[in-house]
C-alpha atoms as a PDB file:
ATOM      1  CA  MET A   1       7.937  18.011 -10.261  1.00  0.00           C
ATOM      2  CA  ARG A   2       5.829  14.738 -10.136  1.00  0.00           C
ATOM      3  CA  ARG A   3       8.792  12.771  -8.511  1.00  0.00           C
ATOM      4  CA  ARG A   4       9.379  15.486  -5.986  1.00  0.00           C
ATOM      5  CA  LEU A   5       5.301  15.314  -4.830  1.00  0.00           C
ATOM      6  CA  VAL A   6       5.627  11.400  -4.657  1.00  0.00           C
ATOM      7  CA  ARG A   7       8.816  11.593  -2.590  1.00  0.00           C
ATOM      8  CA  LEU A   8       6.884  14.354  -0.110  1.00  0.00           C
ATOM      9  CA  LEU A   9       3.702  12.204   0.043  1.00  0.00           C
ATOM     10  CA  ALA A  10       5.791   9.399   0.956  1.00  0.00           C
ATOM     11  CA  ALA A  11       7.791  10.687   3.642  1.00  0.00           C
ATOM     12  CA  SER A  12       4.575  11.985   5.314  1.00  0.00           C
ATOM     13  CA  VAL A  13       2.645   8.669   5.584  1.00  0.00           C
ATOM     14  CA  LEU A  14       5.296   6.048   5.985  1.00  0.00           C
ATOM     15  CA  ALA A  15       4.672   5.884   9.298  1.00  0.00           C
ATOM     16  CA  LEU A  16       0.881   5.597   9.217  1.00  0.00           C
ATOM     17  CA  ALA A  17       0.898   2.074   7.562  1.00  0.00           C
ATOM     18  CA  VAL A  18      -1.486  -0.723   7.974  1.00  0.00           C
ATOM     19  CA  ALA A  19      -0.925  -3.810  10.360  1.00  0.00           C
ATOM     20  CA  ALA A  20       1.357  -6.311   8.946  1.00  0.00           C
ATOM     21  CA  HIS A  21       0.242  -9.767   7.678  1.00  0.00           C
ATOM     22  CA  ALA A  22       0.581 -12.393  10.529  1.00  0.00           C
ATOM     23  CA  SER A  23       4.077 -13.633   8.971  1.00  0.00           C
ATOM     24  CA  ALA A  24       5.616 -10.100   8.959  1.00  0.00           C
ATOM     25  CA  ALA A  25       9.374  -9.694   9.755  1.00  0.00           C
ATOM     26  CA  PRO A  26       9.683 -10.605  13.511  1.00  0.00           C
ATOM     27  CA  ALA A  27      10.959  -8.033  16.046  1.00  0.00           C
ATOM     28  CA  VAL A  28      10.233  -5.091  13.743  1.00  0.00           C
ATOM     29  CA  GLY A  29       7.318  -2.960  13.962  1.00  0.00           C
ATOM     30  CA  VAL A  30       5.095  -2.232  10.989  1.00  0.00           C
ATOM     31  CA  SER A  31       5.569   1.329  10.629  1.00  0.00           C
ATOM     32  CA  ARG A  32       9.163   0.870  11.566  1.00  0.00           C
ATOM     33  CA  PHE A  33      10.089  -1.700   8.926  1.00  0.00           C
ATOM     34  CA  GLU A  34       8.247   0.416   6.342  1.00  0.00           C
ATOM     35  CA  SER A  35       9.725   3.716   7.349  1.00  0.00           C
ATOM     36  CA  HIS A  36      13.347   2.595   7.346  1.00  0.00           C
ATOM     37  CA  LEU A  37      13.041   1.647   3.682  1.00  0.00           C
ATOM     38  CA  SER A  38      12.332   5.282   2.506  1.00  0.00           C
ATOM     39  CA  GLY A  39      15.052   6.385   0.358  1.00  0.00           C
ATOM     40  CA  ARG A  40      16.956   3.122  -0.332  1.00  0.00           C
ATOM     41  CA  SER A  41      18.307   2.622  -3.490  1.00  0.00           C
ATOM     42  CA  VAL A  42      17.579  -0.980  -5.060  1.00  0.00           C
ATOM     43  CA  PRO A  43      19.918  -2.858  -7.375  1.00  0.00           C
ATOM     44  CA  ASP A  44      19.293  -2.608 -11.313  1.00  0.00           C
ATOM     45  CA  ILE A  45      18.634  -6.415 -11.625  1.00  0.00           C
ATOM     46  CA  ALA A  46      18.189  -8.328 -14.855  1.00  0.00           C
ATOM     47  CA  LEU A  47      14.802  -9.526 -15.404  1.00  0.00           C
ATOM     48  CA  ARG A  48      13.077 -12.391 -17.729  1.00  0.00           C
ATOM     49  CA  LEU A  49       9.525 -11.203 -18.353  1.00  0.00           C
ATOM     50  CA  ALA A  50       6.456 -13.502 -18.948  1.00  0.00           C
ATOM     51  CA  ASP A  51       6.581 -12.661 -22.661  1.00  0.00           C
ATOM     52  CA  GLY A  52       9.979 -13.612 -22.952  1.00  0.00           C
ATOM     53  CA  ARG A  53      11.691 -10.517 -23.150  1.00  0.00           C
ATOM     54  CA  SER A  54      15.126  -9.619 -21.048  1.00  0.00           C
ATOM     55  CA  MET A  55      15.729  -6.142 -19.578  1.00  0.00           C
ATOM     56  CA  ARG A  56      16.857  -4.608 -16.380  1.00  0.00           C
ATOM     57  CA  LEU A  57      14.547  -2.921 -13.732  1.00  0.00           C
ATOM     58  CA  SER A  58      15.434   0.421 -14.656  1.00  0.00           C
ATOM     59  CA  GLU A  59      14.390  -0.485 -18.643  1.00  0.00           C
ATOM     60  CA  LEU A  60      11.141  -1.801 -17.428  1.00  0.00           C
ATOM     61  CA  ALA A  61      10.436   1.397 -15.374  1.00  0.00           C
ATOM     62  CA  ALA A  62      11.075   3.465 -18.485  1.00  0.00           C
ATOM     63  CA  GLY A  63      11.448   6.823 -15.941  1.00  0.00           C
ATOM     64  CA  LYS A  64       8.072   5.903 -14.422  1.00  0.00           C
ATOM     65  CA  PRO A  65       7.270   5.074 -10.878  1.00  0.00           C
ATOM     66  CA  LEU A  66       7.068   1.462 -10.408  1.00  0.00           C
ATOM     67  CA  LEU A  67       5.022  -0.389  -7.945  1.00  0.00           C
ATOM     68  CA  VAL A  68       7.149  -3.722  -6.906  1.00  0.00           C
ATOM     69  CA  THR A  69       5.466  -6.921  -5.114  1.00  0.00           C
ATOM     70  CA  PHE A  70       7.058 -10.496  -4.550  1.00  0.00           C
ATOM     71  CA  PHE A  71       5.213 -13.904  -5.215  1.00  0.00           C
ATOM     72  CA  TYR A  72       5.849 -17.423  -6.348  1.00  0.00           C
ATOM     73  CA  ARG A  73       3.724 -19.451  -8.482  1.00  0.00           C
ATOM     74  CA  ARG A  74       2.751 -22.189  -6.389  1.00  0.00           C
ATOM     75  CA  CYS A  75       1.927 -20.272  -3.264  1.00  0.00           C
ATOM     76  CA  THR A  76      -1.072 -21.528  -1.484  1.00  0.00           C
ATOM     77  CA  GLY A  77      -1.396 -18.473   1.000  1.00  0.00           C
ATOM     78  CA  VAL A  78      -0.980 -14.701   0.731  1.00  0.00           C
ATOM     79  CA  CYS A  79       0.328 -14.380  -2.793  1.00  0.00           C
ATOM     80  CA  VAL A  80      -2.611 -14.502  -5.080  1.00  0.00           C
ATOM     81  CA  PRO A  81      -4.826 -12.202  -2.596  1.00  0.00           C
ATOM     82  CA  LEU A  82      -1.583  -9.778  -2.775  1.00  0.00           C
ATOM     83  CA  LEU A  83      -1.516  -9.586  -6.414  1.00  0.00           C
ATOM     84  CA  GLU A  84      -5.444  -9.260  -6.648  1.00  0.00           C
ATOM     85  CA  TRP A  85      -5.382  -6.320  -4.208  1.00  0.00           C
ATOM     86  CA  VAL A  86      -2.626  -4.739  -5.954  1.00  0.00           C
ATOM     87  CA  ARG A  87      -4.639  -5.292  -9.322  1.00  0.00           C
ATOM     88  CA  GLU A  88      -7.808  -3.810  -8.033  1.00  0.00           C
ATOM     89  CA  SER A  89      -6.135  -0.854  -6.380  1.00  0.00           C
ATOM     90  CA  ALA A  90      -4.424   0.049  -9.775  1.00  0.00           C
ATOM     91  CA  ARG A  91      -7.983  -0.400 -11.632  1.00  0.00           C
ATOM     92  CA  GLY A  92      -9.650   1.632  -8.980  1.00  0.00           C
ATOM     93  CA  VAL A  93      -7.208   4.602  -9.101  1.00  0.00           C
ATOM     94  CA  GLY A  94      -6.256   4.584 -12.931  1.00  0.00           C
ATOM     95  CA  GLY A  95      -3.174   5.525 -14.396  1.00  0.00           C
ATOM     96  CA  LEU A  96      -1.606   2.533 -14.834  1.00  0.00           C
ATOM     97  CA  GLY A  97       0.801   2.312 -17.954  1.00  0.00           C
ATOM     98  CA  THR A  98       0.935   6.060 -18.107  1.00  0.00           C
ATOM     99  CA  ASP A  99       1.510   7.341 -14.555  1.00  0.00           C
ATOM    100  CA  TYR A 100       3.198   3.954 -13.233  1.00  0.00           C
ATOM    101  CA  ARG A 101       4.123   0.498 -13.807  1.00  0.00           C
ATOM    102  CA  VAL A 102       3.586  -2.786 -11.645  1.00  0.00           C
ATOM    103  CA  LEU A 103       6.173  -5.656 -11.465  1.00  0.00           C
ATOM    104  CA  ALA A 104       5.365  -8.742 -10.120  1.00  0.00           C
ATOM    105  CA  LEU A 105       8.432 -10.772  -9.401  1.00  0.00           C
ATOM    106  CA  SER A 106       8.831 -14.293  -8.440  1.00  0.00           C
ATOM    107  CA  PHE A 107      11.428 -14.968  -5.709  1.00  0.00           C
ATOM    108  CA  ASP A 108      11.126 -19.026  -6.196  1.00  0.00           C
ATOM    109  CA  ASP A 109      14.012 -19.857  -8.226  1.00  0.00           C
ATOM    110  CA  ALA A 110      12.213 -23.119  -9.391  1.00  0.00           C
ATOM    111  CA  ASP A 111       9.587 -20.789 -11.037  1.00  0.00           C
ATOM    112  CA  THR A 112      10.033 -20.521 -14.839  1.00  0.00           C
ATOM    113  CA  VAL A 113       8.931 -18.108 -17.364  1.00  0.00           C
ATOM    114  CA  ALA A 114       5.675 -20.364 -18.379  1.00  0.00           C
ATOM    115  CA  ASP A 115       5.039 -20.109 -14.707  1.00  0.00           C
ATOM    116  CA  VAL A 116       4.842 -16.573 -14.325  1.00  0.00           C
ATOM    117  CA  ARG A 117       3.015 -16.226 -17.642  1.00  0.00           C
ATOM    118  CA  ALA A 118       0.288 -18.732 -16.388  1.00  0.00           C
ATOM    119  CA  GLN A 119      -0.031 -16.484 -13.251  1.00  0.00           C
ATOM    120  CA  ALA A 120      -0.659 -13.559 -15.053  1.00  0.00           C
ATOM    121  CA  ALA A 121      -2.913 -15.405 -17.322  1.00  0.00           C
ATOM    122  CA  ALA A 122      -4.592 -16.906 -14.099  1.00  0.00           C
ATOM    123  CA  LEU A 123      -5.288 -13.291 -12.972  1.00  0.00           C
ATOM    124  CA  GLY A 124      -6.537 -11.886 -16.276  1.00  0.00           C
ATOM    125  CA  LEU A 125      -3.272  -9.705 -16.441  1.00  0.00           C
ATOM    126  CA  LEU A 126      -1.446 -11.255 -19.338  1.00  0.00           C
ATOM    127  CA  GLY A 127      -0.665  -8.643 -21.936  1.00  0.00           C
ATOM    128  CA  THR A 128      -2.269  -6.128 -19.648  1.00  0.00           C
ATOM    129  CA  ALA A 129      -0.354  -2.597 -20.285  1.00  0.00           C
ATOM    130  CA  GLY A 130       1.588  -1.561 -17.329  1.00  0.00           C
ATOM    131  CA  TRP A 131       1.838  -4.846 -15.590  1.00  0.00           C
ATOM    132  CA  SER A 132       4.920  -7.361 -15.883  1.00  0.00           C
ATOM    133  CA  PHE A 133       5.453 -10.771 -14.211  1.00  0.00           C
ATOM    134  CA  ALA A 134       8.926 -11.821 -14.193  1.00  0.00           C
ATOM    135  CA  ILE A 135      11.700 -14.309 -12.977  1.00  0.00           C
ATOM    136  CA  ALA A 136      15.515 -13.511 -12.171  1.00  0.00           C
ATOM    137  CA  GLU A 137      18.603 -15.286 -11.375  1.00  0.00           C
ATOM    138  CA  ARG A 138      19.103 -16.449  -7.486  1.00  0.00           C
ATOM    139  CA  ASP A 139      21.442 -14.111  -6.844  1.00  0.00           C
ATOM    140  CA  ALA A 140      19.734 -11.088  -8.380  1.00  0.00           C
ATOM    141  CA  VAL A 141      16.650 -11.924  -6.512  1.00  0.00           C
ATOM    142  CA  ALA A 142      18.693 -12.251  -3.271  1.00  0.00           C
ATOM    143  CA  ARG A 143      20.060  -8.812  -3.793  1.00  0.00           C
ATOM    144  CA  ILE A 144      17.140  -6.862  -4.394  1.00  0.00           C
ATOM    145  CA  ALA A 145      15.226  -8.728  -1.532  1.00  0.00           C
ATOM    146  CA  GLY A 146      17.967  -7.724   0.826  1.00  0.00           C
ATOM    147  CA  ALA A 147      17.809  -4.369  -0.400  1.00  0.00           C
ATOM    148  CA  LEU A 148      14.360  -4.107   0.497  1.00  0.00           C
ATOM    149  CA  ASP A 149      14.650  -6.510   3.837  1.00  0.00           C
ATOM    150  CA  PHE A 150      12.151  -8.831   2.111  1.00  0.00           C
ATOM    151  CA  TRP A 151      12.815 -12.382   3.713  1.00  0.00           C
ATOM    152  CA  TYR A 152      11.379 -15.652   2.748  1.00  0.00           C
ATOM    153  CA  GLN A 153      11.971 -19.046   4.279  1.00  0.00           C
ATOM    154  CA  PRO A 154      11.152 -22.523   3.152  1.00  0.00           C
ATOM    155  CA  ASP A 155       8.718 -24.522   5.435  1.00  0.00           C
ATOM    156  CA  PRO A 156       9.758 -28.246   5.172  1.00  0.00           C
ATOM    157  CA  VAL A 157       6.370 -29.298   6.429  1.00  0.00           C
ATOM    158  CA  THR A 158       4.335 -27.414   3.852  1.00  0.00           C
ATOM    159  CA  ARG A 159       6.785 -27.241   1.257  1.00  0.00           C
ATOM    160  CA  GLN A 160       5.846 -23.620   0.926  1.00  0.00           C
ATOM    161  CA  TYR A 161       7.931 -20.518   1.366  1.00  0.00           C
ATOM    162  CA  ASP A 162       6.894 -18.278   4.642  1.00  0.00           C
ATOM    163  CA  HIS A 163       7.288 -14.634   3.756  1.00  0.00           C
ATOM    164  CA  PRO A 164       5.549 -11.162   4.374  1.00  0.00           C
ATOM    165  CA  ALA A 165       3.184  -9.474   1.767  1.00  0.00           C
ATOM    166  CA  LEU A 166       5.440  -6.599   0.449  1.00  0.00           C
ATOM    167  CA  VAL A 167       4.579  -3.744  -1.686  1.00  0.00           C
ATOM    168  CA  VAL A 168       7.339  -1.325  -2.451  1.00  0.00           C
ATOM    169  CA  ALA A 169       6.862   1.807  -4.588  1.00  0.00           C
ATOM    170  CA  LEU A 170      10.051   2.970  -6.291  1.00  0.00           C
ATOM    171  CA  ASP A 171      10.731   5.906  -8.363  1.00  0.00           C
ATOM    172  CA  GLY A 172      14.337   6.494 -10.041  1.00  0.00           C
ATOM    173  CA  GLY A 173      15.557   3.461  -8.449  1.00  0.00           C
ATOM    174  CA  ARG A 174      14.992   4.562  -4.862  1.00  0.00           C
ATOM    175  CA  VAL A 175      12.124   3.550  -2.391  1.00  0.00           C
ATOM    176  CA  VAL A 176       9.484   6.351  -2.029  1.00  0.00           C
ATOM    177  CA  ASP A 177       6.924   4.080  -0.054  1.00  0.00           C
ATOM    178  CA  ALA A 178       6.413   0.726   1.291  1.00  0.00           C
ATOM    179  CA  LEU A 179       3.584  -1.391   2.604  1.00  0.00           C
ATOM    180  CA  LEU A 180       3.072  -4.440   4.549  1.00  0.00           C
ATOM    181  CA  VAL A 181      -0.390  -5.657   2.995  1.00  0.00           C
ATOM    182  CA  SER A 182      -3.054  -7.092   5.111  1.00  0.00           C
ATOM    183  CA  PRO A 183      -6.537  -7.591   4.091  1.00  0.00           C
ATOM    184  CA  GLY A 184      -7.694  -4.344   5.830  1.00  0.00           C
ATOM    185  CA  GLY A 185      -4.895  -2.626   3.980  1.00  0.00           C
ATOM    186  CA  SER A 186      -6.653  -2.331   0.665  1.00  0.00           C
ATOM    187  CA  GLN A 187      -7.639   1.414   1.310  1.00  0.00           C
ATOM    188  CA  ARG A 188      -3.947   2.333   2.121  1.00  0.00           C
ATOM    189  CA  LEU A 189      -2.697   0.267  -0.949  1.00  0.00           C
ATOM    190  CA  ARG A 190      -5.270   2.614  -3.201  1.00  0.00           C
ATOM    191  CA  GLY A 191      -3.762   5.541  -1.511  1.00  0.00           C
ATOM    192  CA  MET A 192      -0.156   4.592  -2.209  1.00  0.00           C
ATOM    193  CA  VAL A 193      -0.879   4.004  -6.000  1.00  0.00           C
ATOM    194  CA  SER A 194      -2.614   7.175  -5.970  1.00  0.00           C
ATOM    195  CA  ALA A 195       0.510   9.057  -4.624  1.00  0.00           C
ATOM    196  CA  LEU A 196       2.523   7.332  -7.267  1.00  0.00           C
ATOM    197  CA  ARG A 197       0.165   9.342  -9.833  1.00  0.00           C
ATOM    198  CA  GLY A 198       1.152  12.602  -8.041  1.00  0.00           C
ATOM    199  CA  THR A 199      -2.480  12.783  -6.337  1.00  0.00           C
ATOM    200  CA  PHE A 200      -2.616  14.472  -2.910  1.00  0.00           C
ATOM    201  CA  ILE A 201      -3.630  12.233  -0.197  1.00  0.00           C
ATOM    202  CA  PRO A 202      -4.665  14.287   2.777  1.00  0.00           C
ATOM    203  CA  THR A 203      -5.173  11.578   5.279  1.00  0.00           C
ATOM    204  CA  TYR A 204      -4.518   7.809   5.715  1.00  0.00           C
ATOM    205  CA  PRO A 205      -6.143   5.531   8.348  1.00  0.00           C
ATOM    206  CA  LEU A 206      -3.673   4.843  11.493  1.00  0.00           C
ATOM    207  CA  PRO A 207      -2.051   1.298  11.780  1.00  0.00           C
ATOM    208  CA  GLN A 208      -4.852   0.316  14.169  1.00  0.00           C
ATOM    209  CA  GLN A 209      -8.262   1.014  12.209  1.00  0.00           C
ATOM    210  CA  THR A 210      -9.790   3.175  15.097  1.00  0.00           C
ATOM    211  CA  PRO A 211     -13.211   3.833  14.473  1.00  0.00           C
ATOM    212  CA  LEU A 212     -13.308   7.150  15.959  1.00  0.00           C
ATOM    213  CA  ARG A 213     -11.475   8.858  13.152  1.00  0.00           C
ATOM    214  CA  CYS A 214     -12.299  12.679  12.631  1.00  0.00           C
ATOM    215  CA  LEU A 215     -11.935  12.415   8.788  1.00  0.00           C
ATOM    216  CA  SER A 216     -12.390   9.653   6.299  1.00  0.00           C
ATOM    217  CA  PHE A 217     -10.690   9.880   2.737  1.00  0.00           C
ATOM    218  CA  ASP A 218     -11.601   7.735  -0.210  1.00  0.00           C
ATOM    219  CA  PRO A 219      -8.393   7.440  -2.261  1.00  0.00           C
ATOM    220  CA  VAL A 220     -10.734   5.944  -5.232  1.00  0.00           C
ATOM    221  CA  THR A 221     -13.322   8.810  -5.584  1.00  0.00           C
ATOM    222  CA  GLY A 222     -11.157  11.562  -3.788  1.00  0.00           C
ATOM    223  CA  ALA A 223     -14.080  12.375  -1.395  1.00  0.00           C
ATOM    224  CA  MET A 224     -13.625  13.294   2.007  1.00  0.00           C
ATOM    225  CA  ARG A 225     -16.351  13.034   4.820  1.00  0.00           C
ATOM    226  CA  MET A 226     -16.514  13.541   8.610  1.00  0.00           C
ATOM    227  CA  ASP A 227     -16.198  10.360  10.803  1.00  0.00           C
ATOM    228  CA  TRP A 228     -17.540   9.466  14.258  1.00  0.00           C
ATOM    229  CA  GLY A 229     -14.423  11.046  15.740  1.00  0.00           C
ATOM    230  CA  MET A 230     -15.488  14.358  14.827  1.00  0.00           C
ATOM    231  CA  LEU A 231     -18.192  14.100  17.369  1.00  0.00           C
ATOM    232  CA  LEU A 232     -15.881  13.816  20.080  1.00  0.00           C
ATOM    233  CA  LEU A 233     -14.636  17.232  19.422  1.00  0.00           C
ATOM    234  CA  VAL A 234     -17.880  19.037  18.764  1.00  0.00           C
ATOM    235  CA  PHE A 235     -19.530  17.121  21.782  1.00  0.00           C
ATOM    236  CA  PRO A 236     -18.378  19.347  24.655  1.00  0.00           C
ATOM    237  CA  ALA A 237     -19.572  22.255  22.641  1.00  0.00           C
ATOM    238  CA  LEU A 238     -22.710  20.599  22.033  1.00  0.00           C
ATOM    239  CA  ALA A 239     -23.180  19.514  25.650  1.00  0.00           C
ATOM    240  CA  ALA A 240     -22.583  22.882  26.934  1.00  0.00           C
ATOM    241  CA  ALA A 241     -24.921  24.703  24.963  1.00  0.00           C
ATOM    242  CA  ALA A 242     -27.538  22.085  26.343  1.00  0.00           C
ATOM    243  CA  ALA A 243     -26.697  22.598  29.852  1.00  0.00           C
ATOM    244  CA  VAL A 244     -26.863  26.420  29.507  1.00  0.00           C
ATOM    245  CA  SER A 245     -30.341  26.057  27.759  1.00  0.00           C
ATOM    246  CA  LEU A 246     -31.824  23.634  30.517  1.00  0.00           C
ATOM    247  CA  LEU A 247     -30.277  25.934  33.263  1.00  0.00           C
ATOM    248  CA  PHE A 248     -31.190  29.410  32.240  1.00  0.00           C
ATOM    249  CA  VAL A 249     -34.022  29.351  29.473  1.00  0.00           C
ATOM    250  CA  PRO A 250     -36.479  28.239  32.014  1.00  0.00           C
ATOM    251  CA  ALA A 251     -34.999  30.682  34.525  1.00  0.00           C
ATOM    252  CA  ALA A 252     -35.750  33.415  32.144  1.00  0.00           C
ATOM    253  CA  ARG A 253     -39.268  32.337  31.277  1.00  0.00           C
ATOM    254  CA  ARG A 254     -40.148  32.472  35.044  1.00  0.00           C
ATOM    255  CA  ARG A 255     -38.807  35.984  35.258  1.00  0.00           C
ATOM    256  CA  ARG A 256     -40.902  37.141  32.544  1.00  0.00           C
ATOM    257  CA  GLN A 257     -43.949  35.353  34.147  1.00  0.00           C
ATOM    258  CA  PHE A 258     -43.430  37.602  37.397  1.00  0.00           C
ATOM    259  CA  CYS A 259     -42.985  40.600  35.308  1.00  0.00           C
END
């Protein structure tokens, strides 16, 4: 039942993702990029975890939904903010380790177990239940990256990798949701984590964060409130009522005075 709900929720919100990071995949719109991953199967690759254990992706998931993101240790760009967004979203929503798990996978074949362990420690996540940092063989990383259309290109000038900030929700080895993260996408990310828990998310912000939304939903508290856009719906009725009052009420008063 939980998996069916996760898939149903993911299918309804994939087209409403937030704007991509500036380095998102070229010639592919954000909503299209995210939605076309839905239902894809991912290879059950072998992982080496920060604690030294070796296991396959399916073993790490252990029958639970899995949130997967990519990073590399020496990244000076979006990697650390991305991991921090996932960390804070998971903390805000809750259920980590019981309802779902998180995997941060390095795509840099220069990274070692010690490197990813240091990254986990720097984020205060070393030994945190539900969080796993891992490396994999080059061909294994290429296989899962290819399945998720995750690209990474070395920059000879900066000696860094150019890559998008991608978070993917998996259940049963298949994609149920995907998100190209931007700084404004933290609410959407919390919503995605909530969906993994089986929480009903009635609405998401549009890719362009319009200030005239009718409703706003806080996935952390579950609270729904009216937004400025609701005024556009009720304004015509209010204006009509005001016009009727201005036109007819004075006339009615004058008639009563002559009676």
